[in-house]
Amino acid sequence: MDTTDIGIEKRIIDIVLEIFPTMSVNLTENEQDEFFNLLANIDSIQMLEVMAAIEMEFDIFFDEADLNVDLFKDIKSLSNYVKEKMEQSQDV
């Protein structure tokens, strides 16, 4: 698995698009806004589905205390969180 920032970002985007194949997003331009717009169009149940898929893909768990709007404001924030959680699990 590619654990670079770009690799994690791409895989998160792929997960979202796998869950919602009818959504379209042009990630070659303005990725931050496009990702936020993509997530803004899903409801809370769908967000849980996305989170569960991310947890399974990266073998991490979202901490309840960490769940807030800032975590999902853009792809960079979410990928940084995933990378941090992966590093923490390797330290254990």
Protein backbone atom coordinates (compact mmCIF):
# COMPACT_ATOMS: atom_id res chain seq x y z
CA MET A 1 0.00 0.00 0.00
CA ASP A 2 1.24 3.45 -0.92
CA THR A 3 1.57 5.36 2.37
CA THR A 4 2.76 8.62 0.85
CA ASP A 5 0.49 11.63 1.29
CA ILE A 6 -0.55 11.49 -2.36
CA GLY A 7 -1.13 7.73 -2.18
CA ILE A 8 -3.36 8.06 0.88
CA GLU A 9 -5.29 10.96 -0.66
CA LYS A 10 -5.87 9.03 -3.88
CA ARG A 11 -7.05 5.93 -2.03
CA ILE A 12 -9.49 7.96 0.12
CA ILE A 13 -10.91 9.55 -3.01
CA ASP A 14 -11.16 6.13 -4.65
CA ILE A 15 -13.03 4.81 -1.60
CA VAL A 16 -15.56 7.63 -1.75
CA LEU A 17 -16.06 7.15 -5.47
CA GLU A 18 -16.40 3.36 -5.05
CA ILE A 19 -19.16 3.86 -2.49
CA PHE A 20 -20.87 6.53 -4.59
CA PRO A 21 -20.10 5.62 -8.22
CA THR A 22 -22.67 8.07 -9.59
CA MET A 23 -20.80 11.01 -8.09
CA SER A 24 -18.29 12.66 -10.31
CA VAL A 25 -15.41 14.84 -9.37
CA ASN A 26 -12.57 16.38 -11.32
CA LEU A 27 -9.61 16.00 -9.03
CA THR A 28 -7.01 17.39 -11.39
CA GLU A 29 -8.05 20.95 -10.58
CA ASN A 30 -8.81 22.39 -7.16
CA GLU A 31 -8.84 19.06 -5.31
CA GLN A 32 -9.55 20.61 -1.93
CA ASP A 33 -12.84 22.24 -2.93
CA GLU A 34 -13.94 19.31 -5.06
CA PHE A 35 -13.44 16.83 -2.22
CA PHE A 36 -15.32 19.04 0.23
CA ASN A 37 -18.16 19.42 -2.29
CA LEU A 38 -18.25 15.66 -2.76
CA LEU A 39 -18.58 15.03 0.99
CA ALA A 40 -21.05 17.88 1.41
CA ASN A 41 -23.51 15.96 -0.76
CA ILE A 42 -23.71 12.87 1.44
CA ASP A 43 -25.76 12.36 4.58
CA SER A 44 -24.57 11.22 8.02
CA ILE A 45 -25.29 7.53 7.36
CA GLN A 46 -23.32 7.68 4.14
CA MET A 47 -20.51 9.45 6.00
CA LEU A 48 -20.40 6.54 8.45
CA GLU A 49 -20.10 4.19 5.48
CA VAL A 50 -17.17 6.22 4.15
CA MET A 51 -15.51 6.23 7.56
CA ALA A 52 -15.96 2.45 7.95
CA ALA A 53 -14.44 1.86 4.52
CA ILE A 54 -11.47 4.10 5.38
CA GLU A 55 -11.00 2.26 8.67
CA MET A 56 -11.00 -1.09 6.90
CA GLU A 57 -8.71 0.03 4.07
CA PHE A 58 -6.06 1.58 6.30
CA ASP A 59 -6.57 -0.61 9.40
CA ILE A 60 -7.25 2.37 11.65
CA PHE A 61 -10.07 3.55 13.88
CA PHE A 62 -11.52 7.04 14.03
CA ASP A 63 -11.50 8.32 17.60
CA GLU A 64 -14.83 9.82 18.59
CA ALA A 65 -13.05 12.81 20.11
CA ASP A 66 -11.42 13.55 16.75
CA LEU A 67 -14.63 13.65 14.73
CA ASN A 68 -15.36 17.22 13.72
CA VAL A 69 -15.90 19.33 10.64
CA ASP A 70 -12.22 20.26 10.41
CA LEU A 71 -11.22 16.63 9.97
CA PHE A 72 -13.33 16.39 6.82
CA LYS A 73 -12.85 19.94 5.52
CA ASP A 74 -10.51 18.78 2.75
CA ILE A 75 -8.64 15.77 1.48
CA LYS A 76 -5.37 16.94 3.02
CA SER A 77 -6.81 17.09 6.55
CA LEU A 78 -8.34 13.65 6.26
CA SER A 79 -5.26 12.06 4.70
CA ASN A 80 -3.02 13.59 7.38
CA TYR A 81 -5.29 12.11 10.05
CA VAL A 82 -5.20 8.68 8.38
CA LYS A 83 -1.41 8.81 8.08
CA GLU A 84 -1.07 9.81 11.75
CA LYS A 85 -3.34 6.95 12.85
CA MET A 86 -1.37 4.48 10.71
CA GLU A 87 1.89 5.66 12.29
CA GLN A 88 0.39 5.34 15.78
CA SER A 89 -0.69 1.76 15.09
CA GLN A 90 2.84 0.89 13.94
CA ASP A 91 4.28 2.29 17.17
CA VAL A 92 2.16 -0.05 19.29
